[in-house]
Protein backbone atom coordinates (compact mmCIF):
# COMPACT_ATOMS: atom_id res chain seq x y z
CA MET A 1 2.45 4.03 -32.97
CA GLY A 2 4.49 6.97 -33.21
CA PHE A 3 8.28 7.11 -33.49
CA ILE A 4 8.75 7.87 -29.76
CA ALA A 5 6.26 5.24 -28.77
CA PHE A 6 8.24 2.88 -30.91
CA LEU A 7 11.50 3.81 -29.35
CA LYS A 8 10.02 3.13 -25.87
CA THR A 9 9.48 -0.49 -26.70
CA GLN A 10 13.07 -1.29 -28.04
CA PHE A 11 15.42 -3.46 -26.06
CA ILE A 12 18.55 -1.42 -27.06
CA VAL A 13 16.92 1.80 -25.62
CA HIS A 14 16.00 -0.11 -22.36
CA LEU A 15 19.64 -1.41 -22.16
CA LEU A 16 20.99 2.20 -22.46
CA ILE A 17 18.78 3.53 -19.85
CA GLY A 18 19.83 0.53 -17.65
CA PHE A 19 23.57 1.26 -18.36
CA VAL A 20 23.17 4.99 -17.40
CA PHE A 21 21.46 3.95 -14.13
CA VAL A 22 23.98 1.21 -13.18
CA VAL A 23 27.01 3.16 -14.03
CA SER A 24 25.93 6.30 -12.59
CA GLY A 25 24.76 4.22 -9.32
CA LEU A 26 28.26 2.72 -9.00
CA ILE A 27 29.89 6.06 -9.40
CA ILE A 28 27.42 7.62 -6.80
CA ASN A 29 28.09 4.65 -4.39
CA PHE A 30 31.80 5.23 -4.58
CA ILE A 31 31.46 8.89 -3.83
CA GLN A 32 29.19 7.98 -0.88
CA LEU A 33 32.01 5.57 0.33
CA CYS A 34 34.51 8.55 0.25
CA THR A 35 32.00 10.64 2.39
CA LEU A 36 32.39 8.41 5.25
CA VAL A 37 35.27 10.46 6.42
CA LEU A 38 32.76 13.35 7.06
CA TRP A 39 30.69 11.34 9.66
CA PRO A 40 33.17 11.87 12.56
CA ILE A 41 33.86 15.41 11.64
CA ASN A 42 30.31 16.66 10.79
CA LYS A 43 27.49 14.14 10.73
CA GLN A 44 24.77 16.51 9.54
CA LEU A 45 26.98 17.58 6.48
CA TYR A 46 27.54 13.85 5.67
CA ARG A 47 23.67 13.49 5.81
CA ARG A 48 23.13 16.36 3.59
CA VAL A 49 25.63 15.36 1.01
CA ASN A 50 24.39 11.69 0.84
CA CYS A 51 20.89 12.70 0.54
CA ARG A 52 21.74 14.83 -2.56
CA LEU A 53 23.96 11.90 -3.98
CA ALA A 54 21.00 9.47 -3.57
CA TYR A 55 18.72 11.84 -5.18
CA SER A 56 20.80 11.79 -8.20
CA LEU A 57 20.16 8.04 -8.41
CA TRP A 58 16.50 7.69 -7.28
CA SER A 59 15.49 10.38 -9.37
CA GLN A 60 16.36 8.59 -12.57
CA LEU A 61 13.55 6.04 -11.57
CA VAL A 62 11.13 8.96 -10.89
CA MET A 63 12.05 10.38 -14.31
CA LEU A 64 10.97 7.08 -15.94
CA LEU A 65 7.54 7.33 -14.17
CA GLU A 66 6.96 11.01 -14.70
CA TRP A 67 8.55 11.88 -18.16
CA TRP A 68 9.31 8.57 -19.90
CA SER A 69 5.90 6.84 -19.31
CA GLY A 70 3.95 10.06 -18.49
CA THR A 71 2.22 8.35 -15.59
CA GLU A 72 -0.29 10.79 -13.85
CA CYS A 73 -0.47 10.89 -10.11
CA THR A 74 -3.40 12.57 -8.37
CA LEU A 75 -3.80 13.31 -4.54
CA PHE A 76 -7.17 13.38 -2.87
CA SER A 77 -6.85 15.04 0.52
CA ASP A 78 -7.61 18.56 2.10
CA GLU A 79 -5.81 21.95 1.76
CA ALA A 80 -4.74 21.86 5.39
CA THR A 81 -2.88 18.52 4.94
CA VAL A 82 -1.30 19.45 1.61
CA LYS A 83 0.14 22.73 3.03
CA THR A 84 2.14 20.60 5.59
CA PHE A 85 3.89 18.66 2.93
CA GLY A 86 7.62 19.04 2.99
CA LYS A 87 7.41 21.02 6.21
CA GLU A 88 7.52 18.57 8.94
CA HIS A 89 9.02 15.20 9.86
CA VAL A 90 6.33 12.33 9.34
CA ILE A 91 5.66 8.79 9.24
CA ILE A 92 3.95 7.37 6.11
CA ILE A 93 1.73 4.35 6.07
CA LEU A 94 1.20 2.96 2.64
CA ASN A 95 -0.56 -0.07 1.30
CA HIS A 96 1.58 -2.53 -0.31
CA ASN A 97 -0.40 -3.92 -3.30
CA PHE A 98 1.64 -2.83 -6.29
CA GLU A 99 4.95 -3.34 -7.72
CA ILE A 100 5.58 0.31 -8.04
CA ASP A 101 3.98 1.60 -5.02
CA PHE A 102 7.29 2.81 -3.72
CA LEU A 103 7.91 4.83 -7.03
CA CYS A 104 4.47 6.52 -6.61
CA GLY A 105 5.55 7.47 -3.08
CA TRP A 106 8.93 8.82 -4.40
CA THR A 107 7.32 10.89 -7.19
CA MET A 108 5.15 12.70 -4.45
CA THR A 109 8.12 13.34 -2.25
CA GLU A 110 9.94 14.72 -5.32
CA ARG A 111 7.03 17.07 -6.23
CA PHE A 112 6.97 18.41 -2.80
CA GLY A 113 10.68 18.78 -2.62
CA VAL A 114 11.48 16.10 0.03
CA LEU A 115 13.18 13.39 -2.03
CA GLY A 116 16.35 15.38 -2.62
CA VAL A 117 16.45 16.49 1.08
CA CYS A 118 16.06 13.28 2.96
CA GLY A 119 15.92 10.78 0.24
CA SER A 120 12.94 9.44 2.13
CA LYS A 121 13.45 6.69 4.82
CA VAL A 122 12.12 3.20 5.10
CA LEU A 123 12.02 0.14 7.36
CA ALA A 124 13.52 -2.41 4.84
CA LYS A 125 14.01 -5.99 4.66
CA ARG A 126 17.64 -6.85 5.41
CA GLU A 127 18.04 -8.79 1.99
CA LEU A 128 17.85 -5.46 0.22
CA LEU A 129 21.15 -4.41 1.87
CA TYR A 130 23.00 -6.79 -0.47
CA VAL A 131 21.30 -5.58 -3.59
CA PRO A 132 23.81 -3.54 -5.58
CA LEU A 133 23.03 0.19 -5.87
CA ILE A 134 19.66 -0.10 -4.11
CA GLY A 135 20.87 -1.55 -0.66
CA TRP A 136 24.35 0.20 -0.88
CA THR A 137 22.83 3.47 -1.39
CA TRP A 138 20.34 2.94 1.42
CA TYR A 139 23.10 1.85 3.71
CA PHE A 140 24.77 5.35 3.32
CA LEU A 141 21.27 6.94 3.96
CA GLU A 142 21.00 5.20 7.41
CA ILE A 143 18.05 3.11 6.34
CA VAL A 144 16.94 0.83 9.06
CA PHE A 145 17.28 -2.80 7.83
CA CYS A 146 15.44 -5.72 9.66
CA LYS A 147 15.25 -9.47 9.41
CA ARG A 148 11.43 -9.45 10.04
CA LYS A 149 11.89 -11.51 13.07
CA TRP A 150 11.16 -9.13 16.10
CA GLU A 151 13.23 -11.05 18.75
CA GLU A 152 16.27 -10.40 16.63
CA ASP A 153 15.35 -7.05 15.14
CA ARG A 154 14.08 -5.13 18.26
CA ASP A 155 17.56 -3.60 19.38
CA THR A 156 18.63 -2.97 15.78
CA VAL A 157 15.34 -1.23 14.75
CA ILE A 158 15.08 0.87 17.90
CA GLU A 159 18.79 2.03 17.65
CA GLY A 160 18.37 2.88 14.04
CA LEU A 161 15.09 4.90 14.64
CA LYS A 162 16.70 6.72 17.55
CA ARG A 163 19.60 7.66 15.30
CA LEU A 164 17.15 9.51 13.04
CA SER A 165 15.71 11.61 15.66
CA ASP A 166 18.36 14.47 15.16
CA TYR A 167 17.92 14.36 11.36
CA PRO A 168 18.78 17.84 10.04
CA GLU A 169 16.14 18.09 7.25
CA TYR A 170 12.54 17.13 7.02
CA MET A 171 12.18 13.25 6.90
CA TRP A 172 9.37 11.20 5.47
CA PHE A 173 9.76 7.83 7.08
CA LEU A 174 7.78 5.04 5.10
CA LEU A 175 6.20 1.99 6.79
CA TYR A 176 4.66 -1.02 5.12
CA CYS A 177 2.80 -2.18 7.99
CA GLU A 178 1.51 -5.25 6.26
CA GLY A 179 5.17 -6.40 6.10
CA THR A 180 5.08 -7.88 2.58
CA ARG A 181 3.25 -7.37 -0.68
CA PHE A 182 -0.27 -8.42 -1.01
CA THR A 183 -1.13 -11.70 -2.70
CA GLU A 184 -4.13 -13.94 -2.54
CA THR A 185 -2.31 -16.67 -0.71
CA LYS A 186 -0.79 -14.29 1.83
CA HIS A 187 -4.24 -12.66 2.31
CA ARG A 188 -6.01 -16.01 2.95
CA ILE A 189 -3.52 -16.89 5.60
CA SER A 190 -3.56 -13.39 7.12
CA MET A 191 -7.32 -13.57 7.42
CA GLU A 192 -7.23 -16.89 9.24
CA VAL A 193 -5.00 -15.18 11.77
CA ALA A 194 -7.29 -12.26 12.06
CA GLU A 195 -10.33 -14.75 12.69
CA SER A 196 -8.29 -16.51 15.30
CA LYS A 197 -7.38 -13.16 17.11
CA GLY A 198 -11.01 -11.92 16.84
CA LEU A 199 -9.95 -9.11 14.66
CA PRO A 200 -12.29 -7.77 11.81
CA LYS A 201 -11.30 -9.34 8.43
CA LEU A 202 -9.81 -7.00 5.72
CA LYS A 203 -10.77 -7.29 1.99
CA TYR A 204 -7.99 -5.46 0.39
CA HIS A 205 -5.20 -5.57 2.91
CA LEU A 206 -3.11 -7.92 4.94
CA LEU A 207 -3.41 -7.87 8.71
CA PRO A 208 -0.92 -5.03 9.79
CA ARG A 209 1.97 -6.11 11.91
CA THR A 210 2.07 -3.58 14.73
CA LYS A 211 5.43 -3.93 16.27
CA GLY A 212 7.22 -1.74 13.74
CA PHE A 213 4.42 0.92 13.91
CA THR A 214 4.28 1.07 17.55
CA THR A 215 8.18 1.15 17.94
CA ALA A 216 8.46 3.82 15.22
CA VAL A 217 5.99 5.99 16.89
CA GLN A 218 7.63 5.48 20.42
CA CYS A 219 11.16 6.31 19.08
CA LEU A 220 10.32 9.15 16.87
CA ARG A 221 7.76 10.86 19.05
CA GLY A 222 9.27 14.25 19.76
CA THR A 223 10.69 14.27 16.23
CA VAL A 224 7.83 13.40 13.96
CA SER A 225 4.79 15.69 13.88
CA ALA A 226 2.16 13.39 12.21
CA VAL A 227 1.34 10.16 10.48
CA TYR A 228 0.29 10.31 6.87
CA ASP A 229 -2.08 7.50 5.83
CA VAL A 230 -1.65 7.02 2.10
CA THR A 231 -4.07 4.64 0.20
CA LEU A 232 -2.91 3.98 -3.35
CA ASN A 233 -4.97 2.51 -6.33
CA PHE A 234 -4.68 2.80 -10.21
CA ARG A 235 -7.58 3.70 -12.48
CA GLY A 236 -8.91 0.95 -14.70
CA ASN A 237 -7.99 -1.77 -12.32
CA LYS A 238 -4.57 -1.66 -13.63
CA ASN A 239 -1.61 -3.57 -12.06
CA PRO A 240 1.45 -1.65 -13.20
CA SER A 241 5.00 -2.76 -13.13
CA LEU A 242 8.33 -1.22 -13.56
CA LEU A 243 8.93 -3.22 -16.70
CA GLY A 244 5.75 -1.68 -18.04
CA ILE A 245 6.99 1.93 -16.97
CA LEU A 246 10.24 1.02 -18.95
CA TYR A 247 8.16 0.17 -21.96
CA GLY A 248 6.43 3.52 -21.59
CA LYS A 249 3.17 2.42 -20.48
CA LYS A 250 1.03 5.28 -18.95
CA TYR A 251 -0.75 4.61 -15.78
CA GLU A 252 -3.06 6.87 -13.66
CA ALA A 253 -2.34 6.64 -9.96
CA ASP A 254 -4.75 7.90 -7.23
CA MET A 255 -3.50 8.49 -3.73
CA CYS A 256 -5.76 9.37 -0.91
CA VAL A 257 -3.81 10.99 1.92
CA ARG A 258 -4.92 11.75 5.56
CA ARG A 259 -3.03 13.43 8.31
CA PHE A 260 -3.06 12.30 11.90
CA PRO A 261 -1.28 14.39 14.44
CA LEU A 262 1.20 12.12 16.53
CA GLU A 263 -0.41 13.30 19.77
CA ASP A 264 -3.70 11.83 18.62
CA ILE A 265 -2.11 8.27 18.61
CA PRO A 266 -2.05 6.60 22.05
CA GLN A 267 1.36 6.20 23.72
CA ASP A 268 0.36 2.85 25.19
CA GLU A 269 1.76 0.08 22.93
CA LYS A 270 -1.48 -2.02 23.09
CA GLU A 271 -3.66 1.01 22.40
CA ALA A 272 -1.44 2.20 19.63
CA ALA A 273 -1.75 -1.36 18.02
CA ASN A 274 -5.56 -1.04 18.28
CA TRP A 275 -5.36 2.23 16.66
CA LEU A 276 -3.42 0.89 13.69
CA HIS A 277 -5.86 -1.90 13.23
CA LYS A 278 -8.84 0.64 13.13
CA LEU A 279 -6.79 2.64 10.53
CA TYR A 280 -6.50 -0.57 8.26
CA GLN A 281 -10.35 -1.10 8.60
CA GLU A 282 -10.64 2.45 7.42
CA LYS A 283 -8.35 1.90 4.52
CA ASP A 284 -10.15 -1.20 3.56
CA ALA A 285 -13.35 1.01 3.41
CA LEU A 286 -11.55 3.59 1.15
CA GLN A 287 -10.49 0.85 -1.25
CA GLU A 288 -14.06 -0.39 -1.28
CA MET A 289 -15.28 3.11 -2.21
CA TYR A 290 -12.65 3.45 -4.77
CA ASN A 291 -13.69 0.24 -6.56
CA GLN A 292 -17.18 1.19 -6.59
CA GLU A 293 -17.11 4.94 -7.45
CA GLY A 294 -13.53 5.23 -9.07
CA VAL A 295 -12.54 8.15 -6.84
CA PHE A 296 -11.38 8.69 -3.22
CA PRO A 297 -12.91 11.08 -0.96
CA GLY A 298 -11.31 14.61 -0.62
CA LYS A 299 -10.22 17.40 -2.88
CA LYS A 300 -8.25 16.71 -6.06
CA PHE A 301 -4.77 17.98 -6.13
CA LYS A 302 -2.32 17.36 -9.08
CA PRO A 303 1.04 18.72 -8.03
CA PRO A 304 3.19 19.58 -11.13
CA ARG A 305 6.25 17.51 -11.99
CA ARG A 306 9.56 19.30 -11.62
CA PRO A 307 12.31 19.30 -14.39
CA TRP A 308 15.03 18.32 -12.05
CA THR A 309 14.73 14.49 -12.50
CA LEU A 310 14.84 14.81 -16.30
CA LEU A 311 17.76 17.27 -16.25
CA ASN A 312 19.50 14.78 -13.88
CA PHE A 313 19.09 11.91 -16.20
CA LEU A 314 20.06 13.92 -19.22
CA PHE A 315 23.34 14.86 -17.46
CA TRP A 316 24.23 11.39 -16.57
CA ALA A 317 23.35 10.17 -20.16
CA THR A 318 25.52 12.74 -21.64
CA VAL A 319 28.41 11.92 -19.47
CA LEU A 320 28.20 8.17 -19.73
CA LEU A 321 26.81 7.39 -23.22
CA SER A 322 29.29 9.63 -25.20
CA PRO A 323 32.18 7.34 -24.16
CA LEU A 324 30.25 4.16 -24.56
CA PHE A 325 29.36 4.92 -28.13
CA THR A 326 32.96 5.91 -29.06
CA PHE A 327 34.18 2.65 -27.49
CA GLY A 328 31.54 0.55 -29.07
CA PHE A 329 32.40 2.06 -32.51
CA GLY A 330 36.00 1.56 -32.02
CA VAL A 331 35.47 -2.21 -31.08
CA PHE A 332 33.44 -2.91 -34.23
CA ALA A 333 35.86 -0.81 -36.51
CA SER A 334 38.78 -2.83 -35.26
CA GLY A 335 37.26 -5.98 -36.94
CA SER A 336 38.68 -8.20 -34.05
CA PRO A 337 36.26 -11.09 -33.33
CA LEU A 338 37.54 -11.50 -29.85
CA LEU A 339 36.92 -7.93 -29.04
CA ILE A 340 33.59 -7.98 -30.65
CA LEU A 341 32.47 -11.08 -28.71
CA ALA A 342 33.84 -9.56 -25.52
CA PHE A 343 31.90 -6.38 -26.10
CA LEU A 344 28.59 -8.29 -26.83
CA GLY A 345 29.23 -10.49 -23.72
CA LEU A 346 29.51 -7.32 -21.67
CA VAL A 347 26.33 -6.01 -23.13
CA GLY A 348 24.62 -9.33 -22.22
CA ALA A 349 25.93 -9.21 -18.74
CA ALA A 350 24.52 -5.55 -18.46
CA SER A 351 21.18 -6.70 -19.75
CA PHE A 352 21.11 -9.57 -17.11
CA GLY A 353 22.12 -7.23 -14.37
CA VAL A 354 19.22 -4.72 -15.14
CA ARG A 355 16.71 -7.43 -15.45
CA ARG A 356 17.77 -8.72 -11.98
CA LEU A 357 17.30 -5.20 -10.47
CA ILE A 358 13.91 -4.93 -12.12
CA GLY A 359 12.95 -8.40 -10.68
CA VAL A 360 13.44 -7.01 -7.22
CA THR A 361 10.29 -5.23 -7.60
CA GLU A 362 8.02 -8.04 -9.13
CA ILE A 363 5.50 -9.41 -6.93
CA GLU A 364 5.73 -12.96 -8.24
CA LYS A 365 9.46 -12.89 -7.34
CA GLY A 366 8.68 -11.37 -3.92
CA SER A 367 9.56 -12.93 -0.64
CA SER A 368 7.62 -15.81 0.88
CA TYR A 369 7.27 -13.65 4.09
CA GLY A 370 3.72 -13.76 5.04
CA ASN A 371 2.83 -17.15 3.59
CA GLN A 372 3.78 -18.82 6.91
CA GLU A 373 4.72 -16.01 9.14
CA PHE A 374 1.35 -14.88 9.77
CA LYS A 375 0.64 -18.21 11.48
CA LYS A 376 3.07 -17.10 14.39
CA LYS A 377 2.27 -14.61 16.86
CA GLU A 378 3.74 -11.25 16.52
């Protein structure tokens, strides 16, 4: 093991990275709070400023994936589709099987210059609104939060989506149509529902929940140009985690991207729902092909990583770690047991906070949504 590889496994290094992320995030959230005065004066300026502020936080996670772990991301698509990236408003449908699927999505938005423009949008569970840094940043980005109970969510979701219709820069709106991460228990229950509804069973996905998709298409029609269907998998049958990324583990991600013009999607809600079910049957076939052949169909593209995520992290590390080291040295130099214990307690609290944030992405600690909800009608 080389010295750099050794450093990547050390707890103190992880703690310093976490410190930079948390403290910079709190500073960014405070600045975002101050920008609220811009909303009634110039809404579009408020949006542009907050997208750049959010980029300064999210790009630190992208830096971990691209530069720290060296994870490779390969696209399988066609030239015409790739040429549209970053040049239109789109809805993205992504399978929800992995702990870092969102991060692979972010790295692609970063490489095509979209992450710093719109921050990417998502239909998110309401519980995330109360997660420090993540939920707070999303609030200022006008992310649409839902309780995943359609009767209660309908008006909130429609209002939130319509608010995005005049977004000033190109927006990628992410939908996890399965509603929750794939687990064997959720899959078994989901397929029982599929059988009861006379729908074809899926092997690698949960039954898509169509309400969010059909509502998004209806509300954003006229704004969004296309739907990108993205199917993600990892070589070697790996199941990566954010903790693994933090330890410097390198993964190889493959993403199959297909573009569907919005005018090809039926306007009728029932027909649009059937279109989505058919799409997931195709996604299932793509995953089957990948498992058998190790590749997706289409031409390979390897968009280069950009330096901005690394430079952004180095900026925050320089600004925040210098005073931390000075303060820590002063505490131990003082020889005061009380100060030293207080400092170590602060370090322990920071470690706990970082671990809790990582826990938000872990599948085994995910929500129970889908274990029972699939038994109810949409």
